[in-house]
Amino acid sequence: MIVCVYNSQSQPVADNHEPNSGFVSDAAAAADIAKVIVISLSPHDKYRGKGTYDAVLKDGIWTVRHLSPQIVSELQPPLIIQIRQKTGAIMKYEDPNA
């Protein structure tokens, strides 16, 4: 018979380590977050992140533009989403066509 005893002091403790370059470390990660937002705004299931995404980092904020295609008449490119590099928080969503 094998008995496992867990000591609460021996359990690993999750630290609050934040990556040096923030949680959104590169343009690809910023574009992936923007895709999720654009998909959630689309009322059509056939749209699943299609299009081109352009991400630029300035002063700790990723500005991601969704450039194509037109999703529906209510959502036309370019859609602009700003994401904080350090935390991944969505700072702003903007539809310049609205």
N, C-alpha and C. Protein backbone atom coordinates (compact mmCIF):
# COMPACT_ATOMS: atom_id res chain seq x y z
N MET A 1 0.85 -1.18 0.00
CA MET A 1 0.00 0.00 0.00
C MET A 1 0.89 1.23 0.00
N ILE A 2 0.56 2.20 -0.89
CA ILE A 2 1.32 3.45 -0.97
C ILE A 2 0.46 4.57 -0.41
N VAL A 3 1.04 5.33 0.47
CA VAL A 3 0.33 6.45 1.08
C VAL A 3 1.09 7.72 0.75
N CYS A 4 0.37 8.69 0.24
CA CYS A 4 0.99 9.99 -0.06
C CYS A 4 0.52 10.99 0.98
N VAL A 5 1.45 11.66 1.57
CA VAL A 5 1.13 12.69 2.55
C VAL A 5 1.62 14.02 2.00
N TYR A 6 0.72 14.97 1.97
CA TYR A 6 1.09 16.30 1.46
C TYR A 6 1.20 17.26 2.62
N ASN A 7 2.31 17.88 2.69
CA ASN A 7 2.54 18.91 3.68
C ASN A 7 2.25 20.25 3.00
N SER A 8 1.42 21.07 3.60
CA SER A 8 1.04 22.34 2.97
C SER A 8 2.25 23.24 2.74
N GLN A 9 3.30 23.06 3.52
CA GLN A 9 4.49 23.89 3.33
C GLN A 9 5.34 23.40 2.18
N SER A 10 5.12 22.18 1.75
CA SER A 10 5.93 21.65 0.64
C SER A 10 5.27 21.90 -0.71
N GLN A 11 4.05 22.41 -0.70
CA GLN A 11 3.36 22.70 -1.96
C GLN A 11 4.02 23.89 -2.65
N PRO A 12 4.13 23.82 -3.98
CA PRO A 12 4.71 24.95 -4.70
C PRO A 12 3.81 26.18 -4.56
N VAL A 13 4.43 27.28 -4.45
CA VAL A 13 3.71 28.54 -4.32
C VAL A 13 3.80 29.27 -5.64
N ALA A 14 2.67 29.66 -6.18
CA ALA A 14 2.66 30.40 -7.44
C ALA A 14 3.14 31.82 -7.16
N ASP A 15 4.18 32.20 -7.87
CA ASP A 15 4.64 33.57 -7.68
C ASP A 15 3.94 34.46 -8.70
N ASN A 16 4.05 35.71 -8.51
CA ASN A 16 3.42 36.69 -9.40
C ASN A 16 4.44 37.20 -10.41
N HIS A 17 5.18 36.28 -11.00
CA HIS A 17 6.20 36.67 -11.95
C HIS A 17 5.57 37.20 -13.23
N GLU A 18 6.00 38.35 -13.63
CA GLU A 18 5.55 38.95 -14.87
C GLU A 18 6.70 38.92 -15.86
N PRO A 19 6.46 38.48 -17.08
CA PRO A 19 7.54 38.45 -18.06
C PRO A 19 8.12 39.86 -18.26
N ASN A 20 9.42 39.91 -18.52
CA ASN A 20 10.09 41.20 -18.71
C ASN A 20 9.46 42.04 -19.80
N SER A 21 9.01 41.39 -20.86
CA SER A 21 8.42 42.14 -21.97
C SER A 21 6.91 42.22 -21.86
N GLY A 22 6.34 41.90 -20.70
CA GLY A 22 4.91 41.95 -20.50
C GLY A 22 4.23 40.69 -21.00
N PHE A 23 2.95 40.59 -20.74
CA PHE A 23 2.20 39.41 -21.13
C PHE A 23 1.92 39.37 -22.63
N VAL A 24 1.96 40.52 -23.28
CA VAL A 24 1.77 40.58 -24.73
C VAL A 24 3.13 40.99 -25.30
N SER A 25 3.98 40.00 -25.46
CA SER A 25 5.39 40.27 -25.74
C SER A 25 5.72 40.58 -27.19
N ASP A 26 4.83 40.20 -28.12
CA ASP A 26 5.17 40.45 -29.52
C ASP A 26 3.92 40.75 -30.34
N ALA A 27 4.15 41.12 -31.59
CA ALA A 27 3.05 41.51 -32.48
C ALA A 27 2.09 40.35 -32.73
N ALA A 28 2.60 39.13 -32.81
CA ALA A 28 1.74 37.98 -33.04
C ALA A 28 0.76 37.78 -31.89
N ALA A 29 1.22 37.95 -30.65
CA ALA A 29 0.34 37.81 -29.49
C ALA A 29 -0.71 38.91 -29.48
N ALA A 30 -0.32 40.13 -29.82
CA ALA A 30 -1.27 41.24 -29.88
C ALA A 30 -2.32 40.97 -30.96
N ALA A 31 -1.90 40.46 -32.11
CA ALA A 31 -2.84 40.15 -33.19
C ALA A 31 -3.80 39.04 -32.78
N ASP A 32 -3.31 38.05 -32.04
CA ASP A 32 -4.17 36.95 -31.58
C ASP A 32 -5.27 37.47 -30.64
N ILE A 33 -4.90 38.39 -29.76
CA ILE A 33 -5.89 38.98 -28.85
C ILE A 33 -6.92 39.77 -29.66
N ALA A 34 -6.45 40.55 -30.63
CA ALA A 34 -7.36 41.33 -31.46
C ALA A 34 -8.31 40.42 -32.24
N LYS A 35 -7.83 39.28 -32.71
CA LYS A 35 -8.69 38.34 -33.44
C LYS A 35 -9.85 37.88 -32.58
N VAL A 36 -9.56 37.59 -31.32
CA VAL A 36 -10.62 37.15 -30.41
C VAL A 36 -11.68 38.24 -30.26
N ILE A 37 -11.25 39.48 -30.16
CA ILE A 37 -12.18 40.59 -30.02
C ILE A 37 -13.02 40.75 -31.28
N VAL A 38 -12.38 40.72 -32.44
CA VAL A 38 -13.11 40.88 -33.70
C VAL A 38 -14.10 39.74 -33.90
N ILE A 39 -13.69 38.52 -33.58
CA ILE A 39 -14.60 37.37 -33.70
C ILE A 39 -15.81 37.56 -32.78
N SER A 40 -15.57 38.06 -31.57
CA SER A 40 -16.68 38.22 -30.63
C SER A 40 -17.65 39.31 -31.09
N LEU A 41 -17.18 40.25 -31.88
CA LEU A 41 -18.03 41.32 -32.38
C LEU A 41 -18.82 40.92 -33.62
N SER A 42 -18.38 39.87 -34.27
CA SER A 42 -19.00 39.44 -35.52
C SER A 42 -20.23 38.58 -35.24
N PRO A 43 -21.36 38.92 -35.84
CA PRO A 43 -22.56 38.12 -35.63
C PRO A 43 -22.59 36.86 -36.50
N HIS A 44 -21.61 36.68 -37.37
CA HIS A 44 -21.62 35.56 -38.29
C HIS A 44 -20.61 34.50 -37.90
N ASP A 45 -21.04 33.24 -37.85
CA ASP A 45 -20.15 32.13 -37.51
C ASP A 45 -19.11 31.88 -38.60
N LYS A 46 -19.44 32.24 -39.84
CA LYS A 46 -18.50 31.96 -40.93
C LYS A 46 -17.24 32.80 -40.82
N TYR A 47 -17.31 33.92 -40.09
CA TYR A 47 -16.13 34.75 -39.91
C TYR A 47 -15.36 34.23 -38.71
N ARG A 48 -14.18 33.74 -38.91
CA ARG A 48 -13.39 33.20 -37.81
C ARG A 48 -11.96 33.74 -37.85
N GLY A 49 -11.84 35.04 -37.69
CA GLY A 49 -10.52 35.65 -37.59
C GLY A 49 -9.86 35.91 -38.93
N LYS A 50 -10.65 35.82 -40.01
CA LYS A 50 -10.08 36.08 -41.33
C LYS A 50 -9.64 37.53 -41.41
N GLY A 51 -8.67 37.77 -42.26
CA GLY A 51 -8.23 39.14 -42.47
C GLY A 51 -6.79 39.33 -42.08
N THR A 52 -6.35 40.53 -42.30
CA THR A 52 -4.97 40.90 -42.02
C THR A 52 -4.93 41.77 -40.77
N TYR A 53 -3.96 41.50 -39.92
CA TYR A 53 -3.79 42.26 -38.69
C TYR A 53 -2.41 42.90 -38.69
N ASP A 54 -2.36 44.17 -38.35
CA ASP A 54 -1.11 44.92 -38.31
C ASP A 54 -0.96 45.43 -36.88
N ALA A 55 0.13 45.04 -36.19
CA ALA A 55 0.33 45.44 -34.79
C ALA A 55 1.59 46.27 -34.65
N VAL A 56 1.46 47.40 -33.96
CA VAL A 56 2.59 48.31 -33.73
C VAL A 56 2.64 48.63 -32.23
N LEU A 57 3.83 48.53 -31.65
CA LEU A 57 4.02 48.83 -30.22
C LEU A 57 4.58 50.23 -30.06
N LYS A 58 3.93 51.03 -29.22
CA LYS A 58 4.43 52.37 -28.91
C LYS A 58 4.06 52.69 -27.46
N ASP A 59 5.05 53.06 -26.68
CA ASP A 59 4.86 53.46 -25.28
C ASP A 59 4.10 52.41 -24.46
N GLY A 60 4.37 51.12 -24.70
CA GLY A 60 3.77 50.06 -23.92
C GLY A 60 2.34 49.71 -24.33
N ILE A 61 1.87 50.26 -25.45
CA ILE A 61 0.53 49.98 -25.95
C ILE A 61 0.64 49.42 -27.36
N TRP A 62 0.06 48.22 -27.57
CA TRP A 62 -0.03 47.66 -28.91
C TRP A 62 -1.25 48.26 -29.59
N THR A 63 -1.07 48.79 -30.78
CA THR A 63 -2.18 49.24 -31.61
C THR A 63 -2.30 48.24 -32.75
N VAL A 64 -3.42 47.52 -32.76
CA VAL A 64 -3.64 46.48 -33.76
C VAL A 64 -4.77 46.94 -34.69
N ARG A 65 -4.50 46.90 -35.98
CA ARG A 65 -5.52 47.25 -36.96
C ARG A 65 -5.94 45.98 -37.70
N HIS A 66 -7.24 45.76 -37.75
CA HIS A 66 -7.79 44.67 -38.55
C HIS A 66 -8.14 45.30 -39.89
N LEU A 67 -7.47 44.84 -40.95
CA LEU A 67 -7.54 45.55 -42.22
C LEU A 67 -8.52 44.98 -43.23
N SER A 68 -8.80 43.69 -43.18
CA SER A 68 -9.68 43.10 -44.19
C SER A 68 -10.18 41.76 -43.70
N PRO A 69 -11.18 41.18 -44.21
CA PRO A 69 -12.17 41.74 -45.12
C PRO A 69 -13.28 42.43 -44.36
N GLN A 70 -14.24 43.00 -45.07
CA GLN A 70 -15.42 43.56 -44.41
C GLN A 70 -16.17 42.39 -43.80
N ILE A 71 -16.52 42.48 -42.56
CA ILE A 71 -17.18 41.38 -41.87
C ILE A 71 -18.68 41.43 -42.16
N VAL A 72 -19.29 42.49 -41.77
CA VAL A 72 -20.69 42.77 -42.06
C VAL A 72 -20.78 44.28 -42.22
N SER A 73 -21.92 44.76 -42.63
CA SER A 73 -22.03 46.20 -42.86
C SER A 73 -21.74 47.01 -41.60
N GLU A 74 -21.97 46.41 -40.41
CA GLU A 74 -21.72 47.14 -39.16
C GLU A 74 -20.24 47.19 -38.78
N LEU A 75 -19.44 46.25 -39.27
CA LEU A 75 -18.02 46.20 -38.92
C LEU A 75 -17.19 46.25 -40.20
N GLN A 76 -16.66 47.40 -40.49
CA GLN A 76 -15.86 47.56 -41.70
C GLN A 76 -14.43 47.92 -41.32
N PRO A 77 -13.46 47.35 -42.03
CA PRO A 77 -12.07 47.68 -41.73
C PRO A 77 -11.77 49.12 -42.07
N PRO A 78 -10.82 49.76 -41.44
CA PRO A 78 -9.97 49.17 -40.39
C PRO A 78 -10.60 49.29 -39.02
N LEU A 79 -10.57 48.23 -38.26
CA LEU A 79 -10.95 48.26 -36.86
C LEU A 79 -9.65 48.41 -36.08
N ILE A 80 -9.65 49.23 -35.04
CA ILE A 80 -8.43 49.48 -34.27
C ILE A 80 -8.67 49.06 -32.83
N ILE A 81 -7.74 48.25 -32.33
CA ILE A 81 -7.82 47.75 -30.96
C ILE A 81 -6.50 48.06 -30.28
N GLN A 82 -6.55 48.67 -29.10
CA GLN A 82 -5.34 48.98 -28.36
C GLN A 82 -5.27 48.07 -27.13
N ILE A 83 -4.08 47.48 -26.95
CA ILE A 83 -3.86 46.48 -25.90
C ILE A 83 -2.61 46.86 -25.10
N ARG A 84 -2.74 46.86 -23.78
CA ARG A 84 -1.58 47.18 -22.93
C ARG A 84 -0.61 46.01 -22.95
N GLN A 85 0.65 46.27 -23.30
CA GLN A 85 1.68 45.23 -23.41
C GLN A 85 1.91 44.53 -22.07
N LYS A 86 1.97 45.28 -21.00
CA LYS A 86 2.34 44.74 -19.70
C LYS A 86 1.30 43.76 -19.16
N THR A 87 0.01 44.08 -19.32
CA THR A 87 -1.04 43.28 -18.69
C THR A 87 -1.96 42.54 -19.66
N GLY A 88 -2.01 42.98 -20.91
CA GLY A 88 -2.93 42.41 -21.88
C GLY A 88 -4.31 43.03 -21.83
N ALA A 89 -4.48 44.07 -21.03
CA ALA A 89 -5.78 44.74 -20.91
C ALA A 89 -6.14 45.43 -22.22
N ILE A 90 -7.40 45.35 -22.58
CA ILE A 90 -7.90 46.04 -23.77
C ILE A 90 -8.13 47.49 -23.37
N MET A 91 -7.42 48.39 -24.01
CA MET A 91 -7.49 49.80 -23.67
C MET A 91 -8.58 50.52 -24.47
N LYS A 92 -8.73 50.11 -25.74
CA LYS A 92 -9.63 50.85 -26.60
C LYS A 92 -10.00 50.00 -27.81
N TYR A 93 -11.25 50.12 -28.23
CA TYR A 93 -11.70 49.54 -29.49
C TYR A 93 -12.27 50.70 -30.29
N GLU A 94 -11.88 50.80 -31.53
CA GLU A 94 -12.34 51.92 -32.34
C GLU A 94 -12.70 51.45 -33.74
N ASP A 95 -13.85 51.87 -34.19
CA ASP A 95 -14.28 51.64 -35.57
C ASP A 95 -14.35 53.01 -36.22
N PRO A 96 -13.31 53.38 -36.99
CA PRO A 96 -13.28 54.72 -37.60
C PRO A 96 -14.42 54.95 -38.57
N ASN A 97 -15.08 53.88 -39.01
CA ASN A 97 -16.19 54.03 -39.96
C ASN A 97 -17.52 54.31 -39.28
N ALA A 98 -17.57 54.15 -37.97
CA ALA A 98 -18.84 54.31 -37.25
C ALA A 98 -19.22 55.77 -37.10
